[in-house]
Amino acid sequence: MRKVIVGAFVSLDGVMQAPGGPHEDPTGGFSYGGWVAPLADEVFGEEVGKMFSQPFDLLLGRKTYEIFAAHWPYAEEGPDDSIARTFNSITKYVATRKGLDLTWKGSVALHDAAADVARLKQEDGPALITQGSTDLIRTLLANDLVDEINMFTFPIVLGGGKQLFDDGAKAAAFKLTAHSVSPNGIVIGQYVRDGAVKTGDFAMDPPTPAEVARREKMQREG
């Protein structure tokens, strides 16, 4: 079976929008595009490289696909030539409900993201790695299709913008299997799926009269 691996660059307040540059995604009046670049350091680059060191195909939302397709096919002679050649040679699965110009070699449209990714996961093949693609990731989380999250948390608060998680994510437990902190304060964690969410209770047993009253008040207030 194939794994779905989310690669997420997020701010402390969970924003994912336009990490790579001001022109990536200014929708909603977002004015901080390019917030990753000033903090990117050698450790950050090494950890991103590790994520892409395994056999993989890309799993992208439409907007991220368009950003990538306008860049990576033309980057094989630049400083990122190695990853450009990799991206250009692998399969790119793109979730889109609209007609899309799939001129980037190796691109495949997915018209029903949840069903199509569930089917791909049942096949033999390399991992499916997302980059960006906030709406797609939310769909994957809502349908319990994510096996691993590689979270790169940057020490900034952006105050608004498209966020990684929303209320539609299905409850799920993850286990931290690797972590590091870069010189510029980027906290990098690898989280793998670990069953269902477990709950417990720190309350006194039996509860105090004050606690009973508090619970009754909560029920009345809804």
N, C-alpha and C. Protein backbone atom coordinates (compact mmCIF):
# COMPACT_ATOMS: atom_id res chain seq x y z
N MET A 1 0.83 -1.20 0.00
CA MET A 1 0.00 0.00 0.00
C MET A 1 0.86 1.25 0.00
N ARG A 2 0.34 2.30 -0.58
CA ARG A 2 1.06 3.56 -0.65
C ARG A 2 0.70 4.45 0.54
N LYS A 3 1.67 5.20 1.04
CA LYS A 3 1.44 6.13 2.13
C LYS A 3 1.18 7.53 1.59
N VAL A 4 0.31 8.26 2.29
CA VAL A 4 0.11 9.68 2.02
C VAL A 4 0.88 10.46 3.08
N ILE A 5 1.82 11.27 2.63
CA ILE A 5 2.68 12.06 3.52
C ILE A 5 2.44 13.54 3.26
N VAL A 6 2.02 14.24 4.28
CA VAL A 6 1.81 15.69 4.18
C VAL A 6 3.10 16.41 4.56
N GLY A 7 3.59 17.25 3.68
CA GLY A 7 4.70 18.14 3.99
C GLY A 7 4.15 19.53 4.18
N ALA A 8 4.23 20.06 5.40
CA ALA A 8 3.55 21.32 5.71
C ALA A 8 4.50 22.34 6.32
N PHE A 9 4.61 23.50 5.69
CA PHE A 9 5.31 24.66 6.27
C PHE A 9 4.23 25.53 6.92
N VAL A 10 4.30 25.71 8.23
CA VAL A 10 3.25 26.45 8.93
C VAL A 10 3.85 27.48 9.87
N SER A 11 3.11 28.55 10.10
CA SER A 11 3.46 29.53 11.12
C SER A 11 2.98 29.03 12.48
N LEU A 12 3.32 29.75 13.54
CA LEU A 12 2.88 29.36 14.87
C LEU A 12 1.35 29.36 14.98
N ASP A 13 0.69 30.20 14.21
CA ASP A 13 -0.77 30.22 14.24
C ASP A 13 -1.38 29.38 13.12
N GLY A 14 -0.60 28.47 12.56
CA GLY A 14 -1.13 27.46 11.66
C GLY A 14 -1.33 27.85 10.22
N VAL A 15 -0.81 29.01 9.80
CA VAL A 15 -1.02 29.49 8.43
C VAL A 15 -0.05 28.80 7.48
N MET A 16 -0.56 28.39 6.31
CA MET A 16 0.24 27.75 5.28
C MET A 16 0.37 28.60 4.02
N GLN A 17 -0.37 29.66 3.93
CA GLN A 17 -0.53 30.38 2.66
C GLN A 17 0.76 31.02 2.17
N ALA A 18 1.06 30.81 0.89
CA ALA A 18 2.14 31.51 0.17
C ALA A 18 3.46 31.54 0.92
N PRO A 19 4.01 30.38 1.29
CA PRO A 19 5.29 30.40 2.00
C PRO A 19 6.47 30.80 1.13
N GLY A 20 6.36 30.56 -0.20
CA GLY A 20 7.53 30.69 -1.05
C GLY A 20 7.74 32.04 -1.71
N GLY A 21 6.72 32.90 -1.73
CA GLY A 21 6.90 34.19 -2.39
C GLY A 21 5.63 35.00 -2.41
N PRO A 22 5.74 36.31 -2.62
CA PRO A 22 4.57 37.20 -2.57
C PRO A 22 3.57 36.98 -3.69
N HIS A 23 3.98 36.33 -4.77
CA HIS A 23 3.08 36.14 -5.90
C HIS A 23 2.45 34.75 -5.92
N GLU A 24 2.79 33.91 -4.97
CA GLU A 24 2.23 32.55 -4.96
C GLU A 24 0.72 32.56 -4.77
N ASP A 25 0.25 33.24 -3.73
CA ASP A 25 -1.17 33.22 -3.43
C ASP A 25 -1.54 34.43 -2.57
N PRO A 26 -1.82 35.59 -3.20
CA PRO A 26 -2.20 36.78 -2.44
C PRO A 26 -3.70 36.88 -2.18
N THR A 27 -4.46 35.80 -2.44
CA THR A 27 -5.91 35.85 -2.27
C THR A 27 -6.28 36.18 -0.83
N GLY A 28 -7.43 36.87 -0.70
CA GLY A 28 -7.88 37.28 0.61
C GLY A 28 -7.09 38.44 1.19
N GLY A 29 -6.31 39.10 0.34
CA GLY A 29 -5.48 40.21 0.80
C GLY A 29 -4.27 39.79 1.59
N PHE A 30 -3.84 38.54 1.46
CA PHE A 30 -2.67 38.06 2.21
C PHE A 30 -1.42 38.79 1.74
N SER A 31 -0.72 39.42 2.66
CA SER A 31 0.40 40.30 2.29
C SER A 31 1.76 39.82 2.79
N TYR A 32 1.84 38.60 3.30
CA TYR A 32 3.11 38.11 3.84
C TYR A 32 3.69 36.96 3.02
N GLY A 33 3.32 36.88 1.76
CA GLY A 33 3.87 35.84 0.91
C GLY A 33 5.39 35.86 0.88
N GLY A 34 5.99 34.68 1.05
CA GLY A 34 7.44 34.57 1.09
C GLY A 34 8.00 34.53 2.50
N TRP A 35 7.17 34.18 3.49
CA TRP A 35 7.60 34.23 4.89
C TRP A 35 8.58 33.13 5.26
N VAL A 36 8.73 32.10 4.43
CA VAL A 36 9.71 31.04 4.73
C VAL A 36 11.14 31.49 4.43
N ALA A 37 11.33 32.23 3.35
CA ALA A 37 12.68 32.53 2.85
C ALA A 37 13.62 33.15 3.88
N PRO A 38 13.20 34.16 4.66
CA PRO A 38 14.15 34.76 5.61
C PRO A 38 14.60 33.82 6.72
N LEU A 39 13.85 32.75 6.96
CA LEU A 39 14.17 31.84 8.06
C LEU A 39 14.78 30.52 7.58
N ALA A 40 14.75 30.28 6.28
CA ALA A 40 15.29 29.04 5.75
C ALA A 40 16.79 28.96 6.02
N ASP A 41 17.23 27.84 6.56
CA ASP A 41 18.65 27.65 6.87
C ASP A 41 19.08 26.25 6.42
N GLU A 42 20.31 25.89 6.71
CA GLU A 42 20.86 24.63 6.21
C GLU A 42 20.10 23.42 6.76
N VAL A 43 19.77 23.45 8.03
CA VAL A 43 19.04 22.32 8.62
C VAL A 43 17.67 22.17 7.99
N PHE A 44 16.99 23.29 7.76
CA PHE A 44 15.70 23.25 7.06
C PHE A 44 15.86 22.57 5.71
N GLY A 45 16.86 22.98 4.95
CA GLY A 45 17.08 22.38 3.64
C GLY A 45 17.37 20.89 3.71
N GLU A 46 18.16 20.50 4.71
CA GLU A 46 18.48 19.08 4.88
C GLU A 46 17.23 18.26 5.20
N GLU A 47 16.37 18.81 6.05
CA GLU A 47 15.17 18.07 6.44
C GLU A 47 14.18 17.97 5.29
N VAL A 48 14.06 19.01 4.50
CA VAL A 48 13.21 18.92 3.30
C VAL A 48 13.78 17.86 2.37
N GLY A 49 15.11 17.85 2.23
CA GLY A 49 15.76 16.85 1.38
C GLY A 49 15.48 15.43 1.85
N LYS A 50 15.47 15.21 3.16
CA LYS A 50 15.17 13.88 3.69
C LYS A 50 13.77 13.42 3.28
N MET A 51 12.82 14.35 3.35
CA MET A 51 11.44 14.00 3.00
C MET A 51 11.36 13.52 1.55
N PHE A 52 12.17 14.12 0.68
CA PHE A 52 12.14 13.77 -0.73
C PHE A 52 13.22 12.77 -1.12
N SER A 53 13.86 12.15 -0.14
CA SER A 53 14.92 11.19 -0.46
C SER A 53 14.36 9.79 -0.74
N GLN A 54 13.11 9.55 -0.37
CA GLN A 54 12.47 8.26 -0.60
C GLN A 54 11.79 8.27 -1.97
N PRO A 55 11.48 7.11 -2.53
CA PRO A 55 10.67 7.10 -3.76
C PRO A 55 9.32 7.74 -3.50
N PHE A 56 8.88 8.62 -4.39
CA PHE A 56 7.62 9.31 -4.16
C PHE A 56 7.04 9.83 -5.47
N ASP A 57 5.73 10.07 -5.43
CA ASP A 57 5.04 10.87 -6.43
C ASP A 57 4.46 12.08 -5.70
N LEU A 58 4.16 13.14 -6.44
CA LEU A 58 3.58 14.33 -5.84
C LEU A 58 2.06 14.26 -5.88
N LEU A 59 1.44 14.76 -4.82
CA LEU A 59 -0.01 14.85 -4.70
C LEU A 59 -0.33 16.31 -4.40
N LEU A 60 -0.93 17.00 -5.35
CA LEU A 60 -1.05 18.46 -5.28
C LEU A 60 -2.49 18.94 -5.51
N GLY A 61 -2.83 20.03 -4.86
CA GLY A 61 -4.04 20.76 -5.21
C GLY A 61 -3.82 21.58 -6.47
N ARG A 62 -4.91 22.09 -7.03
CA ARG A 62 -4.81 22.77 -8.33
C ARG A 62 -3.89 23.99 -8.28
N LYS A 63 -4.05 24.85 -7.25
CA LYS A 63 -3.26 26.07 -7.21
C LYS A 63 -1.78 25.78 -7.02
N THR A 64 -1.47 24.83 -6.14
CA THR A 64 -0.05 24.48 -5.94
C THR A 64 0.51 23.85 -7.20
N TYR A 65 -0.29 23.02 -7.87
CA TYR A 65 0.16 22.45 -9.15
C TYR A 65 0.52 23.55 -10.14
N GLU A 66 -0.32 24.56 -10.24
CA GLU A 66 -0.04 25.64 -11.19
C GLU A 66 1.23 26.40 -10.82
N ILE A 67 1.47 26.59 -9.52
CA ILE A 67 2.71 27.23 -9.08
C ILE A 67 3.91 26.38 -9.48
N PHE A 68 3.84 25.09 -9.19
CA PHE A 68 4.94 24.19 -9.49
C PHE A 68 5.18 24.07 -11.00
N ALA A 69 4.07 23.97 -11.75
CA ALA A 69 4.20 23.78 -13.20
C ALA A 69 4.78 25.00 -13.89
N ALA A 70 4.65 26.17 -13.27
CA ALA A 70 5.23 27.39 -13.83
C ALA A 70 6.69 27.56 -13.42
N HIS A 71 7.20 26.68 -12.55
CA HIS A 71 8.56 26.85 -12.04
C HIS A 71 9.47 25.66 -12.36
N TRP A 72 9.09 24.47 -11.88
CA TRP A 72 10.04 23.36 -11.90
C TRP A 72 10.44 22.87 -13.29
N PRO A 73 9.59 22.89 -14.30
CA PRO A 73 10.06 22.47 -15.63
C PRO A 73 11.17 23.37 -16.18
N TYR A 74 11.33 24.56 -15.61
CA TYR A 74 12.31 25.52 -16.12
C TYR A 74 13.51 25.67 -15.18
N ALA A 75 13.62 24.80 -14.18
CA ALA A 75 14.62 24.98 -13.12
C ALA A 75 15.75 23.96 -13.16
N GLU A 76 15.83 23.16 -14.21
CA GLU A 76 16.84 22.10 -14.22
C GLU A 76 18.26 22.62 -14.41
N GLU A 77 18.41 23.85 -14.81
CA GLU A 77 19.74 24.43 -14.96
C GLU A 77 20.09 25.38 -13.82
N GLY A 78 19.23 25.47 -12.82
CA GLY A 78 19.44 26.40 -11.71
C GLY A 78 20.02 25.72 -10.49
N PRO A 79 20.06 26.44 -9.37
CA PRO A 79 20.65 25.92 -8.14
C PRO A 79 19.87 24.75 -7.54
N ASP A 80 18.60 24.60 -7.90
CA ASP A 80 17.78 23.49 -7.41
C ASP A 80 17.60 22.44 -8.49
N ASP A 81 18.64 22.23 -9.29
CA ASP A 81 18.52 21.36 -10.45
C ASP A 81 18.18 19.92 -10.09
N SER A 82 18.70 19.43 -8.96
CA SER A 82 18.46 18.03 -8.59
C SER A 82 17.00 17.78 -8.28
N ILE A 83 16.40 18.59 -7.43
CA ILE A 83 14.99 18.40 -7.10
C ILE A 83 14.12 18.70 -8.30
N ALA A 84 14.54 19.63 -9.15
CA ALA A 84 13.78 19.93 -10.37
C ALA A 84 13.72 18.70 -11.26
N ARG A 85 14.84 18.04 -11.45
CA ARG A 85 14.85 16.84 -12.29
C ARG A 85 13.97 15.74 -11.69
N THR A 86 14.01 15.63 -10.37
CA THR A 86 13.16 14.63 -9.71
C THR A 86 11.69 14.95 -9.93
N PHE A 87 11.29 16.18 -9.63
CA PHE A 87 9.89 16.57 -9.80
C PHE A 87 9.43 16.39 -11.25
N ASN A 88 10.31 16.71 -12.18
CA ASN A 88 9.93 16.63 -13.58
C ASN A 88 9.80 15.19 -14.08
N SER A 89 10.43 14.24 -13.38
CA SER A 89 10.43 12.86 -13.86
C SER A 89 9.35 11.99 -13.22
N ILE A 90 8.82 12.39 -12.07
CA ILE A 90 7.85 11.55 -11.36
C ILE A 90 6.43 11.87 -11.80
N THR A 91 5.48 11.10 -11.28
CA THR A 91 4.06 11.37 -11.55
C THR A 91 3.57 12.46 -10.62
N LYS A 92 2.82 13.39 -11.17
CA LYS A 92 2.18 14.47 -10.40
C LYS A 92 0.67 14.25 -10.45
N TYR A 93 0.08 13.89 -9.32
CA TYR A 93 -1.37 13.76 -9.22
C TYR A 93 -1.93 15.10 -8.75
N VAL A 94 -2.91 15.63 -9.47
CA VAL A 94 -3.44 16.95 -9.14
C VAL A 94 -4.96 16.86 -8.97
N ALA A 95 -5.41 17.30 -7.79
CA ALA A 95 -6.84 17.29 -7.49
C ALA A 95 -7.48 18.52 -8.11
N THR A 96 -8.43 18.31 -9.01
CA THR A 96 -9.08 19.43 -9.67
C THR A 96 -10.47 19.03 -10.12
N ARG A 97 -11.43 19.90 -9.87
CA ARG A 97 -12.79 19.68 -10.37
C ARG A 97 -13.01 20.37 -11.71
N LYS A 98 -12.03 21.17 -12.12
CA LYS A 98 -12.15 21.93 -13.36
C LYS A 98 -11.20 21.37 -14.39
N GLY A 99 -11.45 21.75 -15.65
CA GLY A 99 -10.50 21.42 -16.68
C GLY A 99 -9.18 22.13 -16.42
N LEU A 100 -8.08 21.44 -16.58
CA LEU A 100 -6.77 22.00 -16.24
C LEU A 100 -5.78 21.63 -17.32
N ASP A 101 -4.93 22.57 -17.67
CA ASP A 101 -3.92 22.34 -18.69
C ASP A 101 -2.78 21.55 -18.07
N LEU A 102 -2.75 20.25 -18.35
CA LEU A 102 -1.75 19.36 -17.75
C LEU A 102 -0.57 19.16 -18.70
N THR A 103 0.10 20.27 -19.01
CA THR A 103 1.21 20.19 -19.94
C THR A 103 2.50 19.72 -19.27
N TRP A 104 2.57 19.79 -17.95
CA TRP A 104 3.76 19.31 -17.23
C TRP A 104 3.80 17.79 -17.36
N LYS A 105 4.87 17.28 -17.90
CA LYS A 105 5.00 15.86 -18.18
C LYS A 105 4.75 15.03 -16.93
N GLY A 106 3.93 13.97 -17.09
CA GLY A 106 3.68 13.06 -15.98
C GLY A 106 2.54 13.48 -15.08
N SER A 107 1.72 14.43 -15.51
CA SER A 107 0.62 14.93 -14.69
C SER A 107 -0.65 14.12 -14.92
N VAL A 108 -1.35 13.83 -13.81
CA VAL A 108 -2.59 13.04 -13.87
C VAL A 108 -3.65 13.76 -13.04
N ALA A 109 -4.82 13.99 -13.60
CA ALA A 109 -5.89 14.69 -12.88
C ALA A 109 -6.68 13.71 -12.01
N LEU A 110 -7.02 14.18 -10.81
CA LEU A 110 -7.91 13.45 -9.91
C LEU A 110 -9.17 14.30 -9.74
N HIS A 111 -10.29 13.80 -10.21
CA HIS A 111 -11.52 14.60 -10.20
C HIS A 111 -12.36 14.39 -8.93
N ASP A 112 -12.07 13.33 -8.21
CA ASP A 112 -12.72 13.07 -6.91
C ASP A 112 -11.60 12.74 -5.94
N ALA A 113 -11.06 13.78 -5.28
CA ALA A 113 -9.80 13.62 -4.53
C ALA A 113 -9.88 12.51 -3.50
N ALA A 114 -10.92 12.50 -2.67
CA ALA A 114 -11.00 11.52 -1.60
C ALA A 114 -11.05 10.09 -2.15
N ALA A 115 -11.93 9.86 -3.11
CA ALA A 115 -12.07 8.51 -3.67
C ALA A 115 -10.83 8.10 -4.44
N ASP A 116 -10.27 9.02 -5.22
CA ASP A 116 -9.12 8.69 -6.05
C ASP A 116 -7.88 8.43 -5.20
N VAL A 117 -7.67 9.21 -4.14
CA VAL A 117 -6.51 8.98 -3.28
C VAL A 117 -6.69 7.68 -2.49
N ALA A 118 -7.90 7.40 -2.03
CA ALA A 118 -8.15 6.13 -1.36
C ALA A 118 -7.81 4.95 -2.28
N ARG A 119 -8.15 5.08 -3.56
CA ARG A 119 -7.82 4.03 -4.52
C ARG A 119 -6.31 3.92 -4.72
N LEU A 120 -5.64 5.06 -4.87
CA LEU A 120 -4.19 5.05 -5.07
C LEU A 120 -3.48 4.41 -3.88
N LYS A 121 -3.99 4.64 -2.68
CA LYS A 121 -3.36 4.08 -1.48
C LYS A 121 -3.40 2.56 -1.47
N GLN A 122 -4.35 1.97 -2.16
CA GLN A 122 -4.46 0.51 -2.20
C GLN A 122 -3.49 -0.12 -3.19
N GLU A 123 -2.88 0.70 -4.02
CA GLU A 123 -1.96 0.19 -5.04
C GLU A 123 -0.55 0.06 -4.49
N ASP A 124 0.25 -0.72 -5.18
CA ASP A 124 1.68 -0.74 -4.90
C ASP A 124 2.32 0.45 -5.58
N GLY A 125 3.29 1.06 -4.92
CA GLY A 125 3.96 2.20 -5.53
C GLY A 125 4.61 3.07 -4.49
N PRO A 126 5.23 4.15 -4.93
CA PRO A 126 5.92 5.05 -4.00
C PRO A 126 4.94 5.86 -3.16
N ALA A 127 5.49 6.52 -2.14
CA ALA A 127 4.68 7.39 -1.30
C ALA A 127 4.08 8.53 -2.11
N LEU A 128 2.98 9.08 -1.61
CA LEU A 128 2.33 10.24 -2.22
C LEU A 128 2.56 11.42 -1.28
N ILE A 129 3.37 12.39 -1.72
CA ILE A 129 3.76 13.50 -0.86
C ILE A 129 3.07 14.78 -1.32
N THR A 130 2.42 15.46 -0.37
CA THR A 130 1.83 16.76 -0.67
C THR A 130 2.80 17.88 -0.33
N GLN A 131 2.66 18.97 -1.03
CA GLN A 131 3.32 20.23 -0.69
C GLN A 131 2.27 21.33 -0.88
N GLY A 132 2.24 22.29 0.04
CA GLY A 132 1.20 23.31 -0.06
C GLY A 132 -0.17 22.64 -0.06
N SER A 133 -1.05 23.07 -0.98
CA SER A 133 -2.30 22.35 -1.26
C SER A 133 -3.22 22.28 -0.04
N THR A 134 -3.49 23.44 0.57
CA THR A 134 -4.26 23.48 1.81
C THR A 134 -5.61 22.80 1.68
N ASP A 135 -6.38 23.12 0.64
CA ASP A 135 -7.72 22.55 0.48
C ASP A 135 -7.65 21.03 0.32
N LEU A 136 -6.67 20.55 -0.44
CA LEU A 136 -6.52 19.11 -0.64
C LEU A 136 -6.18 18.43 0.68
N ILE A 137 -5.25 19.00 1.45
CA ILE A 137 -4.88 18.40 2.73
C ILE A 137 -6.08 18.32 3.66
N ARG A 138 -6.90 19.36 3.67
CA ARG A 138 -8.11 19.32 4.51
C ARG A 138 -9.04 18.19 4.08
N THR A 139 -9.16 17.96 2.78
CA THR A 139 -9.97 16.84 2.29
C THR A 139 -9.38 15.51 2.74
N LEU A 140 -8.07 15.38 2.65
CA LEU A 140 -7.41 14.14 3.07
C LEU A 140 -7.59 13.89 4.56
N LEU A 141 -7.46 14.96 5.37
CA LEU A 141 -7.64 14.82 6.82
C LEU A 141 -9.09 14.48 7.17
N ALA A 142 -10.03 15.07 6.46
CA ALA A 142 -11.44 14.81 6.73
C ALA A 142 -11.83 13.38 6.41
N ASN A 143 -11.08 12.74 5.51
CA ASN A 143 -11.38 11.37 5.10
C ASN A 143 -10.38 10.36 5.65
N ASP A 144 -9.59 10.78 6.64
CA ASP A 144 -8.66 9.89 7.33
C ASP A 144 -7.71 9.18 6.35
N LEU A 145 -7.15 9.96 5.43
CA LEU A 145 -6.28 9.40 4.41
C LEU A 145 -4.80 9.74 4.62
N VAL A 146 -4.48 10.46 5.69
CA VAL A 146 -3.10 10.90 5.93
C VAL A 146 -2.39 9.90 6.84
N ASP A 147 -1.25 9.42 6.38
CA ASP A 147 -0.46 8.46 7.16
C ASP A 147 0.67 9.13 7.95
N GLU A 148 1.13 10.27 7.47
CA GLU A 148 2.29 10.92 8.10
C GLU A 148 2.23 12.42 7.82
N ILE A 149 2.63 13.20 8.80
CA ILE A 149 2.74 14.65 8.63
C ILE A 149 4.15 15.07 8.98
N ASN A 150 4.82 15.70 8.04
CA ASN A 150 6.11 16.32 8.31
C ASN A 150 5.85 17.81 8.47
N MET A 151 5.89 18.27 9.71
CA MET A 151 5.49 19.64 10.05
C MET A 151 6.73 20.50 10.28
N PHE A 152 6.82 21.57 9.53
CA PHE A 152 7.90 22.55 9.68
C PHE A 152 7.26 23.81 10.26
N THR A 153 7.45 24.04 11.55
CA THR A 153 6.78 25.15 12.23
C THR A 153 7.75 26.32 12.39
N PHE A 154 7.40 27.45 11.80
CA PHE A 154 8.28 28.62 11.77
C PHE A 154 7.93 29.58 12.91
N PRO A 155 8.92 30.22 13.51
CA PRO A 155 8.68 31.07 14.69
C PRO A 155 8.14 32.45 14.35
N ILE A 156 6.98 32.45 13.70
CA ILE A 156 6.32 33.70 13.35
C ILE A 156 4.81 33.52 13.51
N VAL A 157 4.12 34.62 13.75
CA VAL A 157 2.66 34.66 13.78
C VAL A 157 2.22 35.57 12.64
N LEU A 158 1.37 35.05 11.76
CA LEU A 158 0.96 35.80 10.57
C LEU A 158 -0.39 36.48 10.73
N GLY A 159 -1.17 36.07 11.71
CA GLY A 159 -2.40 36.79 12.03
C GLY A 159 -3.56 36.58 11.09
N GLY A 160 -3.41 35.69 10.13
CA GLY A 160 -4.49 35.42 9.18
C GLY A 160 -3.93 34.76 7.94
N GLY A 161 -4.81 34.13 7.18
CA GLY A 161 -4.39 33.40 5.99
C GLY A 161 -4.91 31.98 6.03
N LYS A 162 -4.68 31.24 4.98
CA LYS A 162 -5.18 29.87 4.88
C LYS A 162 -4.42 28.97 5.86
N GLN A 163 -5.19 28.20 6.63
CA GLN A 163 -4.61 27.39 7.69
C GLN A 163 -4.64 25.91 7.35
N LEU A 164 -3.71 25.18 7.96
CA LEU A 164 -3.61 23.74 7.72
C LEU A 164 -4.87 23.01 8.18
N PHE A 165 -5.31 23.25 9.40
CA PHE A 165 -6.43 22.49 9.96
C PHE A 165 -7.70 23.35 9.99
N ASP A 166 -8.82 22.66 9.80
CA ASP A 166 -10.11 23.30 10.01
C ASP A 166 -10.98 22.33 10.80
N ASP A 167 -12.22 22.72 11.03
CA ASP A 167 -13.11 21.89 11.85
C ASP A 167 -13.52 20.59 11.17
N GLY A 168 -13.18 20.41 9.90
CA GLY A 168 -13.59 19.20 9.20
C GLY A 168 -12.63 18.03 9.36
N ALA A 169 -11.47 18.25 9.97
CA ALA A 169 -10.50 17.16 10.12
C ALA A 169 -11.05 16.07 11.03
N LYS A 170 -10.87 14.82 10.62
CA LYS A 170 -11.30 13.70 11.45
C LYS A 170 -10.32 13.52 12.60
N ALA A 171 -10.85 13.29 13.80
CA ALA A 171 -9.99 13.08 14.96
C ALA A 171 -9.08 11.88 14.73
N ALA A 172 -7.80 12.03 15.02
CA ALA A 172 -6.83 10.96 14.79
C ALA A 172 -5.61 11.20 15.67
N ALA A 173 -5.01 10.13 16.15
CA ALA A 173 -3.80 10.23 16.95
C ALA A 173 -2.57 10.05 16.07
N PHE A 174 -1.53 10.80 16.38
CA PHE A 174 -0.25 10.68 15.69
C PHE A 174 0.86 10.50 16.72
N LYS A 175 1.94 9.88 16.30
CA LYS A 175 3.10 9.67 17.17
C LYS A 175 4.30 10.43 16.59
N LEU A 176 4.99 11.19 17.43
CA LEU A 176 6.19 11.88 17.00
C LEU A 176 7.33 10.87 16.88
N THR A 177 7.87 10.69 15.68
CA THR A 177 8.91 9.69 15.45
C THR A 177 10.28 10.29 15.19
N ALA A 178 10.35 11.58 14.88
CA ALA A 178 11.63 12.26 14.68
C ALA A 178 11.41 13.74 14.84
N HIS A 179 12.43 14.44 15.32
CA HIS A 179 12.27 15.89 15.49
C HIS A 179 13.64 16.55 15.51
N SER A 180 13.65 17.82 15.15
CA SER A 180 14.87 18.63 15.20
C SER A 180 14.47 20.09 15.25
N VAL A 181 15.41 20.93 15.63
CA VAL A 181 15.20 22.38 15.65
C VAL A 181 16.35 23.01 14.88
N SER A 182 16.01 23.86 13.91
CA SER A 182 17.04 24.48 13.09
C SER A 182 17.64 25.70 13.81
N PRO A 183 18.80 26.17 13.38
CA PRO A 183 19.41 27.35 14.02
C PRO A 183 18.50 28.58 14.04
N ASN A 184 17.63 28.71 13.05
CA ASN A 184 16.71 29.86 13.00
C ASN A 184 15.39 29.61 13.73
N GLY A 185 15.32 28.49 14.45
CA GLY A 185 14.15 28.24 15.28
C GLY A 185 13.00 27.52 14.60
N ILE A 186 13.23 26.91 13.45
CA ILE A 186 12.19 26.11 12.80
C ILE A 186 12.11 24.76 13.52
N VAL A 187 10.94 24.44 14.05
CA VAL A 187 10.74 23.17 14.74
C VAL A 187 10.20 22.17 13.73
N ILE A 188 10.93 21.08 13.55
CA ILE A 188 10.61 20.10 12.51
C ILE A 188 10.22 18.80 13.18
N GLY A 189 9.00 18.35 12.95
CA GLY A 189 8.52 17.11 13.55
C GLY A 189 7.94 16.18 12.52
N GLN A 190 8.26 14.89 12.68
CA GLN A 190 7.67 13.86 11.82
C GLN A 190 6.66 13.08 12.66
N TYR A 191 5.41 13.11 12.24
CA TYR A 191 4.33 12.48 12.98
C TYR A 191 3.70 11.39 12.12
N VAL A 192 3.58 10.18 12.67
CA VAL A 192 2.98 9.08 11.94
C VAL A 192 1.67 8.68 12.62
N ARG A 193 0.74 8.24 11.81
CA ARG A 193 -0.60 7.88 12.30
C ARG A 193 -0.49 6.81 13.38
N ASP A 194 -1.27 6.97 14.44
CA ASP A 194 -1.15 6.08 15.60
C ASP A 194 -2.52 5.80 16.20
N GLY A 195 -3.45 5.35 15.38
CA GLY A 195 -4.72 4.90 15.88
C GLY A 195 -5.68 6.02 16.24
N ALA A 196 -6.58 5.71 17.15
CA ALA A 196 -7.63 6.64 17.55
C ALA A 196 -7.17 7.53 18.69
N VAL A 197 -7.85 8.66 18.84
CA VAL A 197 -7.57 9.57 19.95
C VAL A 197 -8.05 8.92 21.26
N LYS A 198 -7.20 8.92 22.26
CA LYS A 198 -7.54 8.40 23.58
C LYS A 198 -7.83 9.58 24.51
N THR A 199 -8.74 9.40 25.43
CA THR A 199 -9.07 10.45 26.38
C THR A 199 -8.92 9.94 27.81
N GLY A 200 -8.80 10.87 28.74
CA GLY A 200 -8.71 10.55 30.16
C GLY A 200 -9.41 11.62 30.97
N ASP A 201 -9.20 11.61 32.28
CA ASP A 201 -9.93 12.54 33.13
C ASP A 201 -9.08 12.86 34.37
N PHE A 202 -8.77 14.15 34.57
CA PHE A 202 -8.03 14.59 35.76
C PHE A 202 -8.96 15.04 36.89
N ALA A 203 -10.26 14.97 36.66
CA ALA A 203 -11.21 15.46 37.66
C ALA A 203 -11.23 14.55 38.89
N MET A 204 -11.62 15.12 40.02
CA MET A 204 -11.76 14.35 41.25
C MET A 204 -12.93 13.38 41.11
N ASP A 205 -12.82 12.21 41.73
CA ASP A 205 -13.87 11.20 41.70
C ASP A 205 -14.15 10.74 43.14
N PRO A 206 -15.29 11.07 43.69
CA PRO A 206 -16.41 11.75 43.03
C PRO A 206 -16.16 13.24 42.88
N PRO A 207 -16.88 13.91 41.97
CA PRO A 207 -16.68 15.35 41.80
C PRO A 207 -17.16 16.13 43.02
N THR A 208 -16.56 17.29 43.20
CA THR A 208 -16.97 18.15 44.30
C THR A 208 -18.34 18.76 44.00
N PRO A 209 -19.05 19.22 45.04
CA PRO A 209 -20.33 19.90 44.79
C PRO A 209 -20.17 21.09 43.84
N ALA A 210 -19.04 21.81 43.96
CA ALA A 210 -18.81 22.94 43.07
C ALA A 210 -18.68 22.48 41.63
N GLU A 211 -18.01 21.33 41.43
CA GLU A 211 -17.85 20.80 40.09
C GLU A 211 -19.19 20.32 39.52
N VAL A 212 -19.99 19.68 40.36
CA VAL A 212 -21.32 19.26 39.92
C VAL A 212 -22.15 20.46 39.49
N ALA A 213 -22.09 21.53 40.27
CA ALA A 213 -22.82 22.74 39.93
C ALA A 213 -22.33 23.34 38.62
N ARG A 214 -21.01 23.31 38.43
CA ARG A 214 -20.44 23.85 37.19
C ARG A 214 -20.94 23.07 35.98
N ARG A 215 -20.96 21.74 36.08
CA ARG A 215 -21.41 20.90 34.97
C ARG A 215 -22.89 21.16 34.67
N GLU A 216 -23.69 21.27 35.72
CA GLU A 216 -25.11 21.55 35.51
C GLU A 216 -25.32 22.89 34.83
N LYS A 217 -24.50 23.88 35.21
CA LYS A 217 -24.58 25.20 34.59
C LYS A 217 -24.21 25.12 33.10
N MET A 218 -23.18 24.34 32.80
CA MET A 218 -22.78 24.17 31.40
C MET A 218 -23.90 23.55 30.58
N GLN A 219 -24.59 22.56 31.14
CA GLN A 219 -25.68 21.91 30.42
C GLN A 219 -26.83 22.89 30.18
N ARG A 220 -27.13 23.71 31.17
CA ARG A 220 -28.21 24.69 31.00
C ARG A 220 -27.88 25.71 29.92
N GLU A 221 -26.60 26.12 29.89
CA GLU A 221 -26.18 27.15 28.94
C GLU A 221 -25.96 26.60 27.54
N GLY A 222 -25.83 25.30 27.45
CA GLY A 222 -25.61 24.69 26.14
C GLY A 222 -24.21 24.88 25.64
